[in-house]
Every structure is written in C-alpha cells, then in structure tokens.
PDB file of N, CA and C in Angstrom:
ATOM      1  N   MET A   1     -73.509 135.168-135.583  1.00  0.00           N
ATOM      2  CA  MET A   1     -72.937 134.708-134.362  1.00  0.00           C
ATOM      3  C   MET A   1     -72.147 135.851-133.712  1.00  0.00           C
ATOM      4  N   VAL A   2     -72.308 136.043-132.430  1.00  0.00           N
ATOM      5  CA  VAL A   2     -71.619 137.084-131.682  1.00  0.00           C
ATOM      6  C   VAL A   2     -70.350 136.494-131.073  1.00  0.00           C
ATOM      7  N   PRO A   3     -69.215 137.189-131.197  1.00  0.00           N
ATOM      8  CA  PRO A   3     -67.989 136.652-130.598  1.00  0.00           C
ATOM      9  C   PRO A   3     -68.118 136.600-129.066  1.00  0.00           C
ATOM     10  N   ILE A   4     -67.393 135.659-128.454  1.00  0.00           N
ATOM     11  CA  ILE A   4     -67.441 135.547-126.993  1.00  0.00           C
ATOM     12  C   ILE A   4     -66.293 136.310-126.338  1.00  0.00           C
ATOM     13  N   TYR A   5     -65.303 136.701-127.126  1.00  0.00           N
ATOM     14  CA  TYR A   5     -64.149 137.445-126.606  1.00  0.00           C
ATOM     15  C   TYR A   5     -63.463 138.115-127.785  1.00  0.00           C
ATOM     16  N   GLN A   6     -62.808 139.237-127.527  1.00  0.00           N
ATOM     17  CA  GLN A   6     -62.051 139.878-128.602  1.00  0.00           C
ATOM     18  C   GLN A   6     -60.725 140.413-128.077  1.00  0.00           C
ATOM     19  N   VAL A   7     -59.717 140.369-128.935  1.00  0.00           N
ATOM     20  CA  VAL A   7     -58.409 140.939-128.651  1.00  0.00           C
ATOM     21  C   VAL A   7     -58.179 142.019-129.707  1.00  0.00           C
ATOM     22  N   LEU A   8     -58.027 143.253-129.252  1.00  0.00           N
ATOM     23  CA  LEU A   8     -57.830 144.384-130.162  1.00  0.00           C
ATOM     24  C   LEU A   8     -56.386 144.863-130.039  1.00  0.00           C
ATOM     25  N   VAL A   9     -55.659 144.822-131.143  1.00  0.00           N
ATOM     26  CA  VAL A   9     -54.267 145.249-131.163  1.00  0.00           C
ATOM     27  C   VAL A   9     -54.201 146.609-131.842  1.00  0.00           C
ATOM     28  N   TYR A  10     -53.762 147.611-131.102  1.00  0.00           N
ATOM     29  CA  TYR A  10     -53.696 148.989-131.583  1.00  0.00           C
ATOM     30  C   TYR A  10     -55.034 149.454-132.158  1.00  0.00           C
ATOM     31  N   PRO A  11     -56.104 149.347-131.387  1.00  0.00           N
ATOM     32  CA  PRO A  11     -57.414 149.719-131.936  1.00  0.00           C
ATOM     33  C   PRO A  11     -57.584 151.226-132.076  1.00  0.00           C
ATOM     34  N   ILE A  12     -58.353 151.604-133.058  1.00  0.00           N
ATOM     35  CA  ILE A  12     -58.752 153.002-133.202  1.00  0.00           C
ATOM     36  C   ILE A  12     -60.077 153.142-132.462  1.00  0.00           C
ATOM     37  N   ALA A  13     -60.102 154.026-131.475  1.00  0.00           N
ATOM     38  CA  ALA A  13     -61.322 154.204-130.684  1.00  0.00           C
ATOM     39  C   ALA A  13     -61.807 155.644-130.737  1.00  0.00           C
ATOM     40  N   GLY A  14     -61.188 156.441-131.593  1.00  0.00           N
ATOM     41  CA  GLY A  14     -61.597 157.831-131.723  1.00  0.00           C
ATOM     42  C   GLY A  14     -60.923 158.506-132.897  1.00  0.00           C
ATOM     43  N   TYR A  15     -61.571 159.515-133.412  1.00  0.00           N
ATOM     44  CA  TYR A  15     -61.121 160.233-134.601  1.00  0.00           C
ATOM     45  C   TYR A  15     -60.274 161.456-134.253  1.00  0.00           C
ATOM     46  N   ASP A  16     -60.368 161.937-133.033  1.00  0.00           N
ATOM     47  CA  ASP A  16     -59.681 163.160-132.606  1.00  0.00           C
ATOM     48  C   ASP A  16     -58.169 162.932-132.540  1.00  0.00           C
ATOM     49  N   THR A  17     -57.420 163.614-133.379  1.00  0.00           N
ATOM     50  CA  THR A  17     -55.963 163.482-133.373  1.00  0.00           C
ATOM     51  C   THR A  17     -55.291 164.602-132.579  1.00  0.00           C
ATOM     52  N   ASN A  18     -56.049 165.227-131.681  1.00  0.00           N
ATOM     53  CA  ASN A  18     -55.487 166.263-130.813  1.00  0.00           C
ATOM     54  C   ASN A  18     -55.536 165.864-129.347  1.00  0.00           C
ATOM     55  N   THR A  19     -55.621 164.567-129.073  1.00  0.00           N
ATOM     56  CA  THR A  19     -55.633 164.090-127.698  1.00  0.00           C
ATOM     57  C   THR A  19     -54.239 164.206-127.086  1.00  0.00           C
ATOM     58  N   LYS A  20     -54.163 163.986-125.781  1.00  0.00           N
ATOM     59  CA  LYS A  20     -52.875 164.062-125.085  1.00  0.00           C
ATOM     60  C   LYS A  20     -51.846 163.111-125.696  1.00  0.00           C
ATOM     61  N   SER A  21     -52.254 161.872-125.985  1.00  0.00           N
ATOM     62  CA  SER A  21     -51.280 160.919-126.539  1.00  0.00           C
ATOM     63  C   SER A  21     -50.883 161.264-127.976  1.00  0.00           C
ATOM     64  N   TYR A  22     -51.801 161.815-128.769  1.00  0.00           N
ATOM     65  CA  TYR A  22     -51.415 162.252-130.123  1.00  0.00           C
ATOM     66  C   TYR A  22     -50.404 163.387-130.038  1.00  0.00           C
ATOM     67  N   GLN A  23     -50.556 164.276-129.079  1.00  0.00           N
ATOM     68  CA  GLN A  23     -49.606 165.374-128.920  1.00  0.00           C
ATOM     69  C   GLN A  23     -48.262 164.850-128.406  1.00  0.00           C
ATOM     70  N   GLN A  24     -48.329 163.970-127.414  1.00  0.00           N
ATOM     71  CA  GLN A  24     -47.106 163.461-126.803  1.00  0.00           C
ATOM     72  C   GLN A  24     -46.311 162.572-127.752  1.00  0.00           C
ATOM     73  N   TYR A  25     -47.001 161.766-128.580  1.00  0.00           N
ATOM     74  CA  TYR A  25     -46.334 160.807-129.449  1.00  0.00           C
ATOM     75  C   TYR A  25     -46.532 161.148-130.932  1.00  0.00           C
ATOM     76  N   ALA A  26     -46.600 162.412-131.238  1.00  0.00           N
ATOM     77  CA  ALA A  26     -46.847 162.858-132.618  1.00  0.00           C
ATOM     78  C   ALA A  26     -45.800 162.344-133.595  1.00  0.00           C
ATOM     79  N   SER A  27     -44.582 162.119-133.109  1.00  0.00           N
ATOM     80  CA  SER A  27     -43.491 161.661-133.986  1.00  0.00           C
ATOM     81  C   SER A  27     -43.060 160.233-133.672  1.00  0.00           C
ATOM     82  N   ALA A  28     -43.862 159.500-132.936  1.00  0.00           N
ATOM     83  CA  ALA A  28     -43.503 158.127-132.561  1.00  0.00           C
ATOM     84  C   ALA A  28     -43.361 157.258-133.805  1.00  0.00           C
ATOM     85  N   LYS A  29     -42.540 156.258-133.707  1.00  0.00           N
ATOM     86  CA  LYS A  29     -42.364 155.299-134.795  1.00  0.00           C
ATOM     87  C   LYS A  29     -42.718 153.920-134.265  1.00  0.00           C
ATOM     88  N   PRO A  30     -43.376 153.093-134.998  1.00  0.00           N
ATOM     89  CA  PRO A  30     -43.683 153.219-136.414  1.00  0.00           C
ATOM     90  C   PRO A  30     -44.987 153.960-136.700  1.00  0.00           C
ATOM     91  N   LEU A  31     -45.799 154.266-135.686  1.00  0.00           N
ATOM     92  CA  LEU A  31     -47.093 154.908-135.916  1.00  0.00           C
ATOM     93  C   LEU A  31     -47.067 156.318-135.352  1.00  0.00           C
ATOM     94  N   ASP A  32     -47.247 157.310-136.220  1.00  0.00           N
ATOM     95  CA  ASP A  32     -47.222 158.695-135.759  1.00  0.00           C
ATOM     96  C   ASP A  32     -48.507 159.420-136.167  1.00  0.00           C
ATOM     97  N   LYS A  33     -48.646 160.652-135.710  1.00  0.00           N
ATOM     98  CA  LYS A  33     -49.858 161.429-135.967  1.00  0.00           C
ATOM     99  C   LYS A  33     -50.108 161.654-137.461  1.00  0.00           C
ATOM    100  N   PRO A  34     -49.109 162.086-138.249  1.00  0.00           N
ATOM    101  CA  PRO A  34     -49.369 162.273-139.685  1.00  0.00           C
ATOM    102  C   PRO A  34     -49.840 160.985-140.376  1.00  0.00           C
ATOM    103  N   MET A  35     -49.302 159.852-139.956  1.00  0.00           N
ATOM    104  CA  MET A  35     -49.711 158.587-140.563  1.00  0.00           C
ATOM    105  C   MET A  35     -51.175 158.291-140.218  1.00  0.00           C
ATOM    106  N   MET A  36     -51.567 158.521-138.956  1.00  0.00           N
ATOM    107  CA  MET A  36     -52.952 158.282-138.567  1.00  0.00           C
ATOM    108  C   MET A  36     -53.895 159.225-139.309  1.00  0.00           C
ATOM    109  N   GLU A  37     -53.512 160.471-139.486  1.00  0.00           N
ATOM    110  CA  GLU A  37     -54.338 161.411-140.248  1.00  0.00           C
ATOM    111  C   GLU A  37     -54.488 160.937-141.693  1.00  0.00           C
ATOM    112  N   TRP A  38     -53.420 160.386-142.260  1.00  0.00           N
ATOM    113  CA  TRP A  38     -53.485 159.836-143.617  1.00  0.00           C
ATOM    114  C   TRP A  38     -54.450 158.653-143.656  1.00  0.00           C
ATOM    115  N   PHE A  39     -54.350 157.760-142.673  1.00  0.00           N
ATOM    116  CA  PHE A  39     -55.260 156.607-142.622  1.00  0.00           C
ATOM    117  C   PHE A  39     -56.710 157.059-142.554  1.00  0.00           C
ATOM    118  N   PHE A  40     -57.002 158.043-141.685  1.00  0.00           N
ATOM    119  CA  PHE A  40     -58.376 158.545-141.579  1.00  0.00           C
ATOM    120  C   PHE A  40     -58.844 159.121-142.911  1.00  0.00           C
ATOM    121  N   LYS A  41     -57.965 159.848-143.577  1.00  0.00           N
ATOM    122  CA  LYS A  41     -58.334 160.447-144.867  1.00  0.00           C
ATOM    123  C   LYS A  41     -58.678 159.371-145.896  1.00  0.00           C
ATOM    124  N   GLN A  42     -57.977 158.256-145.870  1.00  0.00           N
ATOM    125  CA  GLN A  42     -58.232 157.168-146.810  1.00  0.00           C
ATOM    126  C   GLN A  42     -59.479 156.373-146.435  1.00  0.00           C
ATOM    127  N   TYR A  43     -59.733 156.236-145.140  1.00  0.00           N
ATOM    128  CA  TYR A  43     -60.794 155.358-144.657  1.00  0.00           C
ATOM    129  C   TYR A  43     -62.159 156.027-144.598  1.00  0.00           C
ATOM    130  N   LEU A  44     -62.201 157.281-144.168  1.00  0.00           N
ATOM    131  CA  LEU A  44     -63.474 157.983-143.989  1.00  0.00           C
ATOM    132  C   LEU A  44     -63.853 158.742-145.250  1.00  0.00           C
ATOM    133  N   ARG A  45     -65.143 158.798-145.529  1.00  0.00           N
ATOM    134  CA  ARG A  45     -65.613 159.568-146.685  1.00  0.00           C
ATOM    135  C   ARG A  45     -65.544 161.062-146.412  1.00  0.00           C
ATOM    136  N   SER A  46     -65.746 161.445-145.133  1.00  0.00           N
ATOM    137  CA  SER A  46     -65.676 162.855-144.738  1.00  0.00           C
ATOM    138  C   SER A  46     -65.323 162.904-143.256  1.00  0.00           C
ATOM    139  N   ALA A  47     -64.963 164.095-142.791  1.00  0.00           N
ATOM    140  CA  ALA A  47     -64.644 164.260-141.365  1.00  0.00           C
ATOM    141  C   ALA A  47     -65.846 163.905-140.490  1.00  0.00           C
ATOM    142  N   ALA A  48     -67.047 164.124-140.986  1.00  0.00           N
ATOM    143  CA  ALA A  48     -68.258 163.797-140.222  1.00  0.00           C
ATOM    144  C   ALA A  48     -68.334 162.306-139.907  1.00  0.00           C
ATOM    145  N   ASP A  49     -67.787 161.460-140.777  1.00  0.00           N
ATOM    146  CA  ASP A  49     -67.780 160.019-140.517  1.00  0.00           C
ATOM    147  C   ASP A  49     -66.993 159.678-139.252  1.00  0.00           C
ATOM    148  N   GLY A  50     -66.075 160.537-138.870  1.00  0.00           N
ATOM    149  CA  GLY A  50     -65.291 160.307-137.656  1.00  0.00           C
ATOM    150  C   GLY A  50     -66.130 160.339-136.393  1.00  0.00           C
ATOM    151  N   ASN A  51     -67.328 160.909-136.459  1.00  0.00           N
ATOM    152  CA  ASN A  51     -68.227 160.946-135.306  1.00  0.00           C
ATOM    153  C   ASN A  51     -69.093 159.700-135.184  1.00  0.00           C
ATOM    154  N   ASN A  52     -68.997 158.814-136.148  1.00  0.00           N
ATOM    155  CA  ASN A  52     -69.757 157.575-136.114  1.00  0.00           C
ATOM    156  C   ASN A  52     -69.310 156.763-134.896  1.00  0.00           C
ATOM    157  N   PRO A  53     -70.250 156.203-134.119  1.00  0.00           N
ATOM    158  CA  PRO A  53     -69.872 155.416-132.939  1.00  0.00           C
ATOM    159  C   PRO A  53     -68.997 154.197-133.254  1.00  0.00           C
ATOM    160  N   LEU A  54     -68.970 153.759-134.498  1.00  0.00           N
ATOM    161  CA  LEU A  54     -68.076 152.664-134.864  1.00  0.00           C
ATOM    162  C   LEU A  54     -66.625 153.121-134.931  1.00  0.00           C
ATOM    163  N   ILE A  55     -66.411 154.419-135.090  1.00  0.00           N
ATOM    164  CA  ILE A  55     -65.067 154.999-135.123  1.00  0.00           C
ATOM    165  C   ILE A  55     -64.730 155.630-133.779  1.00  0.00           C
ATOM    166  N   THR A  56     -65.633 156.423-133.233  1.00  0.00           N
ATOM    167  CA  THR A  56     -65.436 157.096-131.956  1.00  0.00           C
ATOM    168  C   THR A  56     -66.277 156.376-130.906  1.00  0.00           C
ATOM    169  N   LEU A  57     -65.665 155.423-130.238  1.00  0.00           N
ATOM    170  CA  LEU A  57     -66.397 154.562-129.319  1.00  0.00           C
ATOM    171  C   LEU A  57     -67.023 155.309-128.150  1.00  0.00           C
ATOM    172  N   ALA A  58     -66.469 156.458-127.777  1.00  0.00           N
ATOM    173  CA  ALA A  58     -67.061 157.244-126.695  1.00  0.00           C
ATOM    174  C   ALA A  58     -68.467 157.716-127.052  1.00  0.00           C
ATOM    175  N   LYS A  59     -68.808 157.722-128.325  1.00  0.00           N
ATOM    176  CA  LYS A  59     -70.144 158.124-128.773  1.00  0.00           C
ATOM    177  C   LYS A  59     -71.086 156.933-128.928  1.00  0.00           C
ATOM    178  N   ALA A  60     -70.581 155.739-128.657  1.00  0.00           N
ATOM    179  CA  ALA A  60     -71.419 154.536-128.773  1.00  0.00           C
ATOM    180  C   ALA A  60     -72.468 154.545-127.667  1.00  0.00           C
ATOM    181  N   PRO A  61     -73.698 154.185-127.986  1.00  0.00           N
ATOM    182  CA  PRO A  61     -74.763 154.234-126.986  1.00  0.00           C
ATOM    183  C   PRO A  61     -74.589 153.227-125.861  1.00  0.00           C
ATOM    184  N   ASP A  62     -74.006 152.055-126.138  1.00  0.00           N
ATOM    185  CA  ASP A  62     -73.916 151.030-125.110  1.00  0.00           C
ATOM    186  C   ASP A  62     -72.753 150.093-125.398  1.00  0.00           C
ATOM    187  N   LEU A  63     -71.662 150.268-124.676  1.00  0.00           N
ATOM    188  CA  LEU A  63     -70.521 149.381-124.849  1.00  0.00           C
ATOM    189  C   LEU A  63     -70.649 148.122-123.988  1.00  0.00           C
ATOM    190  N   LYS A  64     -71.637 148.083-123.129  1.00  0.00           N
ATOM    191  CA  LYS A  64     -71.813 146.920-122.248  1.00  0.00           C
ATOM    192  C   LYS A  64     -72.216 145.672-123.023  1.00  0.00           C
ATOM    193  N   SER A  65     -72.719 145.842-124.231  1.00  0.00           N
ATOM    194  CA  SER A  65     -73.172 144.694-125.007  1.00  0.00           C
ATOM    195  C   SER A  65     -72.036 144.012-125.779  1.00  0.00           C
ATOM    196  N   ILE A  66     -70.844 144.614-125.791  1.00  0.00           N
ATOM    197  CA  ILE A  66     -69.735 143.978-126.499  1.00  0.00           C
ATOM    198  C   ILE A  66     -69.129 142.888-125.614  1.00  0.00           C
ATOM    199  N   PRO A  67     -68.479 141.892-126.219  1.00  0.00           N
ATOM    200  CA  PRO A  67     -67.893 140.815-125.418  1.00  0.00           C
ATOM    201  C   PRO A  67     -66.694 141.314-124.614  1.00  0.00           C
ATOM    202  N   PRO A  68     -66.252 140.544-123.626  1.00  0.00           N
ATOM    203  CA  PRO A  68     -65.024 140.911-122.910  1.00  0.00           C
ATOM    204  C   PRO A  68     -63.900 141.162-123.907  1.00  0.00           C
ATOM    205  N   THR A  69     -63.051 142.128-123.578  1.00  0.00           N
ATOM    206  CA  THR A  69     -62.061 142.602-124.541  1.00  0.00           C
ATOM    207  C   THR A  69     -60.707 142.821-123.889  1.00  0.00           C
ATOM    208  N   THR A  70     -59.660 142.412-124.568  1.00  0.00           N
ATOM    209  CA  THR A  70     -58.294 142.769-124.198  1.00  0.00           C
ATOM    210  C   THR A  70     -57.803 143.745-125.249  1.00  0.00           C
ATOM    211  N   ILE A  71     -57.274 144.891-124.788  1.00  0.00           N
ATOM    212  CA  ILE A  71     -56.739 145.909-125.692  1.00  0.00           C
ATOM    213  C   ILE A  71     -55.224 145.944-125.520  1.00  0.00           C
ATOM    214  N   ILE A  72     -54.513 145.836-126.629  1.00  0.00           N
ATOM    215  CA  ILE A  72     -53.052 145.876-126.606  1.00  0.00           C
ATOM    216  C   ILE A  72     -52.603 147.160-127.296  1.00  0.00           C
ATOM    217  N   ASN A  73     -51.854 147.974-126.563  1.00  0.00           N
ATOM    218  CA  ASN A  73     -51.284 149.210-127.095  1.00  0.00           C
ATOM    219  C   ASN A  73     -49.795 149.233-126.807  1.00  0.00           C
ATOM    220  N   ALA A  74     -49.082 150.008-127.583  1.00  0.00           N
ATOM    221  CA  ALA A  74     -47.661 150.215-127.334  1.00  0.00           C
ATOM    222  C   ALA A  74     -47.502 151.305-126.279  1.00  0.00           C
ATOM    223  N   GLN A  75     -46.356 151.354-125.655  1.00  0.00           N
ATOM    224  CA  GLN A  75     -46.103 152.387-124.653  1.00  0.00           C
ATOM    225  C   GLN A  75     -46.026 153.767-125.308  1.00  0.00           C
ATOM    226  N   LEU A  76     -45.431 153.850-126.487  1.00  0.00           N
ATOM    227  CA  LEU A  76     -45.320 155.106-127.228  1.00  0.00           C
ATOM    228  C   LEU A  76     -46.338 155.059-128.354  1.00  0.00           C
ATOM    229  N   ASP A  77     -47.587 155.331-128.026  1.00  0.00           N
ATOM    230  CA  ASP A  77     -48.673 155.104-128.980  1.00  0.00           C
ATOM    231  C   ASP A  77     -49.608 156.306-129.035  1.00  0.00           C
ATOM    232  N   PRO A  78     -49.774 156.924-130.208  1.00  0.00           N
ATOM    233  CA  PRO A  78     -50.687 158.059-130.305  1.00  0.00           C
ATOM    234  C   PRO A  78     -52.143 157.676-130.056  1.00  0.00           C
ATOM    235  N   LEU A  79     -52.476 156.384-130.118  1.00  0.00           N
ATOM    236  CA  LEU A  79     -53.842 155.926-129.895  1.00  0.00           C
ATOM    237  C   LEU A  79     -54.141 155.662-128.426  1.00  0.00           C
ATOM    238  N   LEU A  80     -53.152 155.770-127.558  1.00  0.00           N
ATOM    239  CA  LEU A  80     -53.279 155.358-126.168  1.00  0.00           C
ATOM    240  C   LEU A  80     -54.387 156.065-125.414  1.00  0.00           C
ATOM    241  N   THR A  81     -54.566 157.357-125.568  1.00  0.00           N
ATOM    242  CA  THR A  81     -55.582 158.098-124.830  1.00  0.00           C
ATOM    243  C   THR A  81     -56.976 157.525-125.072  1.00  0.00           C
ATOM    244  N   LYS A  82     -57.352 157.279-126.302  1.00  0.00           N
ATOM    245  CA  LYS A  82     -58.687 156.783-126.615  1.00  0.00           C
ATOM    246  C   LYS A  82     -58.874 155.335-126.200  1.00  0.00           C
ATOM    247  N   ALA A  83     -57.794 154.571-126.156  1.00  0.00           N
ATOM    248  CA  ALA A  83     -57.934 153.174-125.761  1.00  0.00           C
ATOM    249  C   ALA A  83     -58.306 153.057-124.291  1.00  0.00           C
ATOM    250  N   LYS A  84     -58.080 154.107-123.513  1.00  0.00           N
ATOM    251  CA  LYS A  84     -58.400 154.069-122.097  1.00  0.00           C
ATOM    252  C   LYS A  84     -59.818 154.532-121.794  1.00  0.00           C
ATOM    253  N   CYS A  85     -60.581 154.935-122.827  1.00  0.00           N
ATOM    254  CA  CYS A  85     -61.922 155.458-122.559  1.00  0.00           C
ATOM    255  C   CYS A  85     -62.901 154.365-122.218  1.00  0.00           C
TER     256      CYS A  85
END
C-alpha cells in the first residue's frame, strides 16, 4: 500500500555535510555537524552509499511519484539546505 500523505520531521535528504546550512549551523544544538557525520558513519556501509537516491534525494530519478509531503525543520538546522531541494 502506498501512503497518501507523509510528514517528515528533520528529514535527511542528502549526504553532503558541507552545504551552506551545515557550515552555518555546524555547532547548533541539539543537532550539529559532528553528530550528523557520526550518524552517517553508523548508518551507511561506505561513503558511496551516501550517493544512493534513498539518502540523497536530489539524485532520485522521479520525486513526482511520492505522495504530498510536509517537511518540518528547525530554524537552526544543519539539514535545512537539503530539505529545500
């Protein structure tokens, strides 16, 4: 069954931790750049996995097939740049 709607809270939409928001909010609390790098290290088998379209949505072939989506981000959020893609 395909969902009809999704709400994503602080979604990861990219593996690149050198985006504008990662640089601007590198020391933000509670989520900062070192913590996100740690999460990626635990979650991915290798850096190459970060290029998977399931991790880096900008590489997904077709986002039009996903259901309508609400994305919730914090104002001081290292993930903010990718959430706007």
